[in-house]
């Protein structure tokens, strides 16, 4: 695509976004506007850092072609509104570091032989070893700029012989990973287990692994997980959905669901965010919206719960029958989906 065409498209998008944001409620339904802007923001947020910077430059250039005044001022806010000027890589690295510290604090003084009911057959020691292995594996991939998959078993772990030392070992591995990630250009090409083959994929990939495994540890020790920040949970849900077709066994199971054109809806009770999954074509597509916009289409099945609980449901940490969730429609579709997407 030529620079001229990119510039023209960016200018058209900036003008449209600004018109939507500044329109009178009588001209444009506010719920429709919010849904459209949220969907656009979600799409743009997935761009690599270099593309985000380039798009920000096109937006600013488009704004500055207008004369000084309120309209140009509004156009100059488009990049900020979509988060294009934020250092999302650094933010994800910091979130990963915090999550690792929380996990270590949770398991440090616990009996490593404690069973983990959400990971049948595992103890806290095995859960800690697994998460620490993920840290070492990701650090190796990013540091070596691996162009092909490297099995975790081929990565040196230096695992202590005493399980009570696992928390400190995990902490050191997490610190090394975050240091490597912070030093990496997020646009560096390398193999990844999901849709983005670049270094910038790894902070959030490991973050959401850590979020779910912290919940595993909390459930093992207290019987329930602590609430997950709704924003983090929403990102985790979308990360999970985006990666499913890149995992061979889940992609194959989804392809054989035989539920073409069925709609599965997830509704976050705490934020009103809705994810609608459309099955078919040997896979599925999904989109995010609001309860108001989603109400226009009747789903085949739906499940409602708080954002964090929905994330743990998708990862099968909570059962669909748990009282945290409310259901409507064809419950068999939800059960089939959860079985097919088990990681």
Protein backbone atom coordinates (compact mmCIF):
# COMPACT_ATOMS: atom_id res chain seq x y z
CA UNK A 1 0.00 0.00 0.00
CA UNK A 2 1.45 3.38 -0.97
CA UNK A 3 2.20 6.10 1.57
CA UNK A 4 -0.27 8.36 -0.19
CA UNK A 5 -3.07 5.81 0.18
CA UNK A 6 -2.17 5.15 3.83
CA UNK A 7 -2.20 8.87 4.53
CA UNK A 8 -5.56 9.29 2.83
CA UNK A 9 -7.10 6.38 4.73
CA UNK A 10 -5.73 7.69 8.03
CA UNK A 11 -7.16 11.12 7.33
CA UNK A 12 -10.55 9.64 6.47
CA UNK A 13 -10.56 7.56 9.66
CA UNK A 14 -9.52 10.53 11.80
CA UNK A 15 -12.29 12.69 10.31
CA UNK A 16 -14.85 9.93 10.86
CA UNK A 17 -13.77 9.28 14.45
CA UNK A 18 -13.89 12.96 15.30
CA UNK A 19 -17.30 13.35 13.69
CA UNK A 20 -18.61 10.41 15.73
CA UNK A 21 -17.16 11.72 19.00
CA UNK A 22 -18.49 15.24 18.52
CA UNK A 23 -21.89 14.42 17.05
CA UNK A 24 -25.12 15.33 18.84
CA UNK A 25 -27.06 12.48 20.49
CA UNK A 26 -29.98 13.22 18.19
CA UNK A 27 -27.78 12.67 15.14
CA UNK A 28 -26.03 9.49 16.26
CA UNK A 29 -27.17 7.00 18.88
CA UNK A 30 -24.59 7.17 21.72
CA UNK A 31 -24.53 3.39 22.22
CA UNK A 32 -23.80 2.85 18.54
CA UNK A 33 -21.00 5.41 18.70
CA UNK A 34 -19.44 3.80 21.77
CA UNK A 35 -19.63 0.34 20.24
CA UNK A 36 -18.02 1.49 17.01
CA UNK A 37 -15.25 3.41 18.77
CA UNK A 38 -14.50 0.54 21.18
CA UNK A 39 -14.32 -1.93 18.30
CA UNK A 40 -11.98 0.33 16.36
CA UNK A 41 -9.80 0.88 19.42
CA UNK A 42 -9.55 -2.87 20.02
CA UNK A 43 -8.46 -3.42 16.42
CA UNK A 44 -5.84 -0.68 16.52
CA UNK A 45 -4.52 -1.78 19.91
CA UNK A 46 -3.41 -5.08 18.36
CA UNK A 47 -1.10 -3.34 15.88
CA UNK A 48 2.66 -3.80 16.31
CA UNK A 49 4.44 -0.84 17.89
CA UNK A 50 5.96 0.33 14.59
CA UNK A 51 2.55 0.36 12.92
CA UNK A 52 1.05 2.23 15.89
CA UNK A 53 3.76 4.86 15.61
CA UNK A 54 3.25 5.14 11.86
CA UNK A 55 -0.51 5.50 12.24
CA UNK A 56 -0.02 8.14 14.94
CA UNK A 57 2.17 10.05 12.51
CA UNK A 58 -0.48 9.87 9.78
CA UNK A 59 -3.19 11.04 12.19
CA UNK A 60 -1.11 14.00 13.34
CA UNK A 61 -0.15 14.95 9.80
CA UNK A 62 -3.82 14.81 8.76
CA UNK A 63 -4.78 17.06 11.69
CA UNK A 64 -2.07 19.60 10.96
CA UNK A 65 -3.30 20.03 7.39
CA UNK A 66 -6.34 21.77 8.88
CA UNK A 67 -6.25 25.41 9.99
CA UNK A 68 -5.88 26.14 13.67
CA UNK A 69 -9.13 25.85 15.57
CA UNK A 70 -11.45 23.49 17.46
CA UNK A 71 -11.68 20.91 14.64
CA UNK A 72 -7.90 20.53 14.36
CA UNK A 73 -7.68 20.33 18.16
CA UNK A 74 -10.15 17.42 18.12
CA UNK A 75 -8.28 15.66 15.31
CA UNK A 76 -5.05 15.88 17.31
CA UNK A 77 -6.72 13.88 20.09
CA UNK A 78 -7.45 10.83 17.90
CA UNK A 79 -4.14 9.06 18.52
CA UNK A 80 -4.35 9.61 22.27
CA UNK A 81 -7.95 8.41 22.31
CA UNK A 82 -6.93 5.14 20.69
CA UNK A 83 -3.87 4.77 22.92
CA UNK A 84 -1.49 4.92 19.97
CA UNK A 85 0.94 7.15 21.86
CA UNK A 86 1.15 4.84 24.88
CA UNK A 87 4.14 2.55 25.39
CA UNK A 88 2.03 -0.59 25.66
CA UNK A 89 5.11 -2.84 25.63
CA UNK A 90 6.56 -1.19 28.74
CA UNK A 91 3.18 -1.29 30.45
CA UNK A 92 2.80 -5.00 29.71
CA UNK A 93 6.30 -5.71 31.05
CA UNK A 94 5.48 -3.90 34.28
CA UNK A 95 2.17 -5.76 34.62
CA UNK A 96 4.00 -9.06 34.14
CA UNK A 97 6.53 -8.14 36.83
CA UNK A 98 3.74 -7.28 39.29
CA UNK A 99 1.90 -10.52 38.56
CA UNK A 100 5.02 -12.60 39.15
CA UNK A 101 5.58 -10.87 42.50
CA UNK A 102 1.97 -11.62 43.51
CA UNK A 103 2.37 -15.28 42.62
CA UNK A 104 5.59 -15.59 44.60
CA UNK A 105 4.03 -13.88 47.63
CA UNK A 106 1.07 -16.28 47.44
CA UNK A 107 3.04 -19.53 47.33
CA UNK A 108 6.25 -18.66 49.22
CA UNK A 109 5.15 -19.82 52.68
CA UNK A 110 2.66 -22.45 51.53
CA UNK A 111 3.19 -26.21 51.67
CA UNK A 112 4.51 -27.15 48.19
CA UNK A 113 2.65 -30.47 48.46
CA UNK A 114 -0.74 -28.69 48.54
CA UNK A 115 -2.98 -30.14 45.79
CA UNK A 116 -4.21 -27.74 43.08
CA UNK A 117 -7.80 -28.78 42.30
CA UNK A 118 -8.02 -26.71 39.11
CA UNK A 119 -4.97 -28.56 37.70
CA UNK A 120 -5.79 -32.19 38.58
CA UNK A 121 -2.76 -34.16 39.69
CA UNK A 122 -0.63 -31.08 40.33
CA UNK A 123 0.67 -29.71 43.61
CA UNK A 124 1.69 -26.11 44.31
CA UNK A 125 5.28 -27.18 43.65
CA UNK A 126 4.36 -28.44 40.18
CA UNK A 127 2.29 -25.34 39.46
CA UNK A 128 5.22 -23.12 40.47
CA UNK A 129 7.64 -25.19 38.40
CA UNK A 130 5.33 -24.90 35.38
CA UNK A 131 4.98 -21.12 35.57
CA UNK A 132 8.71 -20.71 36.20
CA UNK A 133 9.38 -22.88 33.15
CA UNK A 134 7.18 -20.58 31.05
CA UNK A 135 9.29 -17.62 32.23
CA UNK A 136 12.57 -19.34 31.31
CA UNK A 137 11.17 -20.52 27.96
CA UNK A 138 9.90 -17.08 26.94
CA UNK A 139 13.14 -15.39 28.05
CA UNK A 140 15.14 -17.83 25.92
CA UNK A 141 12.96 -17.27 22.85
CA UNK A 142 13.12 -13.47 23.04
CA UNK A 143 16.82 -13.29 23.93
CA UNK A 144 17.86 -15.64 21.10
CA UNK A 145 15.30 -14.22 18.64
CA UNK A 146 14.14 -17.74 17.91
CA UNK A 147 12.77 -18.08 14.38
CA UNK A 148 11.18 -21.47 15.09
CA UNK A 149 9.47 -23.13 18.02
CA UNK A 150 11.77 -24.26 20.83
CA UNK A 151 10.27 -26.88 23.18
CA UNK A 152 10.41 -25.92 26.83
CA UNK A 153 12.26 -29.16 27.58
CA UNK A 154 15.20 -27.87 25.51
CA UNK A 155 15.61 -24.70 27.61
CA UNK A 156 18.03 -24.83 30.59
CA UNK A 157 16.05 -24.31 33.79
CA UNK A 158 18.56 -24.69 36.65
CA UNK A 159 15.67 -25.98 38.75
CA UNK A 160 16.48 -26.34 42.48
CA UNK A 161 16.27 -29.78 43.98
CA UNK A 162 14.21 -28.58 46.95
CA UNK A 163 10.61 -27.59 46.05
CA UNK A 164 10.58 -25.03 48.88
CA UNK A 165 13.14 -23.08 46.81
CA UNK A 166 10.87 -22.95 43.77
CA UNK A 167 9.30 -19.54 44.60
CA UNK A 168 12.70 -17.82 44.72
CA UNK A 169 13.72 -19.62 41.53
CA UNK A 170 10.52 -18.40 39.83
CA UNK A 171 11.14 -14.85 41.06
CA UNK A 172 14.65 -14.84 39.57
CA UNK A 173 13.40 -16.25 36.27
CA UNK A 174 10.60 -13.69 36.06
CA UNK A 175 13.05 -10.86 36.72
CA UNK A 176 15.35 -12.13 33.96
CA UNK A 177 12.41 -12.38 31.55
CA UNK A 178 11.19 -8.86 32.27
CA UNK A 179 14.73 -7.50 31.87
CA UNK A 180 15.05 -9.21 28.48
CA UNK A 181 11.62 -8.04 27.36
CA UNK A 182 12.24 -4.43 28.36
CA UNK A 183 15.49 -4.41 26.38
CA UNK A 184 13.86 -5.93 23.28
CA UNK A 185 12.35 -4.03 20.39
CA UNK A 186 8.73 -5.24 20.50
CA UNK A 187 8.69 -5.41 16.70
CA UNK A 188 11.60 -7.86 16.55
CA UNK A 189 10.42 -10.83 14.44
CA UNK A 190 10.46 -14.21 16.17
CA UNK A 191 8.34 -17.30 16.50
CA UNK A 192 5.33 -17.07 18.78
CA UNK A 193 2.52 -19.45 19.75
CA UNK A 194 -0.14 -16.97 18.62
CA UNK A 195 -1.09 -14.51 15.90
CA UNK A 196 1.81 -12.07 16.41
CA UNK A 197 5.27 -13.45 15.51
CA UNK A 198 7.24 -10.75 17.31
CA UNK A 199 8.81 -10.01 20.68
CA UNK A 200 5.95 -7.71 21.67
CA UNK A 201 3.61 -10.70 21.86
CA UNK A 202 5.35 -12.25 24.86
CA UNK A 203 4.73 -9.83 27.77
CA UNK A 204 0.97 -10.25 27.55
CA UNK A 205 1.15 -13.92 26.62
CA UNK A 206 3.08 -14.72 29.79
CA UNK A 207 1.07 -12.18 31.81
CA UNK A 208 -2.22 -13.96 31.16
CA UNK A 209 -0.62 -17.33 31.85
CA UNK A 210 0.45 -15.89 35.21
CA UNK A 211 -3.01 -14.41 35.89
CA UNK A 212 -4.67 -17.80 35.47
CA UNK A 213 -2.04 -19.66 37.48
CA UNK A 214 -2.23 -17.15 40.32
CA UNK A 215 -5.94 -17.97 40.43
CA UNK A 216 -5.00 -21.68 40.55
CA UNK A 217 -2.79 -21.04 43.57
CA UNK A 218 -5.42 -18.92 45.32
CA UNK A 219 -8.10 -21.55 44.76
CA UNK A 220 -5.76 -24.23 46.11
CA UNK A 221 -5.04 -22.23 49.27
CA UNK A 222 -8.29 -20.35 49.90
CA UNK A 223 -10.95 -22.16 47.88
CA UNK A 224 -11.58 -19.21 45.56
CA UNK A 225 -9.64 -16.75 43.42
CA UNK A 226 -9.35 -13.09 44.27
CA UNK A 227 -11.13 -10.69 41.89
CA UNK A 228 -9.21 -9.98 38.68
CA UNK A 229 -9.00 -6.40 37.44
CA UNK A 230 -11.77 -6.07 34.80
CA UNK A 231 -9.46 -4.43 32.25
CA UNK A 232 -6.84 -7.15 32.65
CA UNK A 233 -9.52 -9.82 32.44
CA UNK A 234 -10.98 -8.34 29.24
CA UNK A 235 -7.54 -8.30 27.62
CA UNK A 236 -7.03 -11.88 28.80
CA UNK A 237 -10.32 -13.00 27.26
CA UNK A 238 -9.42 -11.43 23.93
CA UNK A 239 -5.88 -12.82 24.02
CA UNK A 240 -7.35 -16.27 24.63
CA UNK A 241 -9.86 -15.99 21.79
CA UNK A 242 -7.24 -14.67 19.37
CA UNK A 243 -4.86 -17.55 20.08
CA UNK A 244 -7.23 -20.52 19.95
CA UNK A 245 -6.96 -21.17 16.21
CA UNK A 246 -3.15 -21.12 16.48
CA UNK A 247 -3.13 -24.08 18.87
CA UNK A 248 -3.36 -27.22 16.70
CA UNK A 249 -5.53 -29.31 19.02
CA UNK A 250 -8.03 -26.55 19.85
CA UNK A 251 -8.22 -25.48 16.20
CA UNK A 252 -9.02 -29.06 15.20
CA UNK A 253 -11.68 -29.49 17.88
CA UNK A 254 -13.33 -26.17 16.97
CA UNK A 255 -13.36 -27.21 13.31
CA UNK A 256 -15.35 -30.33 14.24
CA UNK A 257 -17.96 -28.69 16.46
CA UNK A 258 -20.51 -28.77 13.63
CA UNK A 259 -22.30 -25.65 14.94
CA UNK A 260 -22.04 -23.39 11.88
CA UNK A 261 -23.78 -20.02 12.27
CA UNK A 262 -24.37 -20.55 16.00
CA UNK A 263 -23.64 -17.54 18.22
CA UNK A 264 -22.11 -17.83 21.68
CA UNK A 265 -22.24 -14.65 23.73
CA UNK A 266 -20.16 -13.76 26.79
CA UNK A 267 -21.42 -10.80 28.80
CA UNK A 268 -19.35 -9.13 31.52
CA UNK A 269 -21.74 -8.23 34.32
CA UNK A 270 -19.34 -5.73 35.90
CA UNK A 271 -18.51 -3.68 32.78
CA UNK A 272 -21.28 -4.40 30.27
CA UNK A 273 -18.74 -5.58 27.69
CA UNK A 274 -20.02 -8.29 25.37
CA UNK A 275 -18.09 -10.75 23.23
CA UNK A 276 -20.02 -12.50 20.48
CA UNK A 277 -18.50 -15.62 18.94
CA UNK A 278 -19.80 -16.78 15.55
CA UNK A 279 -19.00 -20.39 14.70
CA UNK A 280 -18.55 -21.63 11.16
CA UNK A 281 -16.21 -22.16 8.27
CA UNK A 282 -14.10 -24.62 10.21
CA UNK A 283 -13.38 -22.05 12.90
CA UNK A 284 -14.97 -18.98 14.47
CA UNK A 285 -14.84 -15.20 14.53
CA UNK A 286 -15.51 -12.87 17.43
CA UNK A 287 -16.27 -9.26 18.07
CA UNK A 288 -16.55 -7.05 21.13
CA UNK A 289 -19.44 -4.69 21.78
CA UNK A 290 -21.84 -3.40 24.42
CA UNK A 291 -24.98 -4.93 25.85
CA UNK A 292 -27.12 -2.45 23.92
CA UNK A 293 -25.61 -3.28 20.54
CA UNK A 294 -25.59 -7.01 21.27
CA UNK A 295 -29.29 -6.98 22.15
CA UNK A 296 -30.10 -6.57 18.46
CA UNK A 297 -28.97 -10.15 17.76
CA UNK A 298 -30.27 -13.17 19.62
CA UNK A 299 -27.45 -15.62 20.47
CA UNK A 300 -27.75 -19.39 20.37
CA UNK A 301 -26.35 -19.47 23.91
CA UNK A 302 -25.11 -16.88 26.36
CA UNK A 303 -23.30 -16.77 29.67
CA UNK A 304 -23.05 -13.79 32.00
CA UNK A 305 -20.55 -13.22 34.80
CA UNK A 306 -17.95 -10.77 36.03
CA UNK A 307 -15.02 -10.23 33.66
CA UNK A 308 -12.47 -12.12 35.75
CA UNK A 309 -14.85 -15.02 36.32
CA UNK A 310 -15.50 -15.27 32.57
CA UNK A 311 -11.75 -15.45 31.96
CA UNK A 312 -11.44 -18.30 34.45
CA UNK A 313 -14.50 -20.01 32.93
CA UNK A 314 -12.88 -19.96 29.49
CA UNK A 315 -9.78 -21.52 31.03
CA UNK A 316 -12.01 -24.08 32.82
CA UNK A 317 -10.97 -22.93 36.28
CA UNK A 318 -14.63 -22.44 37.18
CA UNK A 319 -17.37 -24.78 36.01
CA UNK A 320 -20.19 -23.42 33.89
CA UNK A 321 -22.64 -24.56 36.61
CA UNK A 322 -20.95 -22.32 39.19
CA UNK A 323 -23.47 -19.83 40.67
CA UNK A 324 -21.19 -17.00 39.52
CA UNK A 325 -22.70 -17.45 36.05
CA UNK A 326 -26.14 -17.01 34.50
CA UNK A 327 -27.12 -18.80 31.29
CA UNK A 328 -29.66 -18.49 28.52
CA UNK A 329 -30.24 -20.44 25.32
CA UNK A 330 -28.66 -23.72 24.24
CA UNK A 331 -26.44 -24.76 27.14
CA UNK A 332 -25.03 -27.62 25.05
CA UNK A 333 -23.26 -25.09 22.84
CA UNK A 334 -21.41 -23.56 25.80
CA UNK A 335 -20.42 -27.00 27.09
CA UNK A 336 -19.20 -28.06 23.63
CA UNK A 337 -17.18 -24.86 23.29
CA UNK A 338 -15.50 -25.25 26.69
CA UNK A 339 -14.61 -28.88 25.90
CA UNK A 340 -13.22 -28.03 22.46
CA UNK A 341 -11.09 -25.14 23.69
CA UNK A 342 -9.52 -26.83 26.73
CA UNK A 343 -5.79 -26.06 26.66
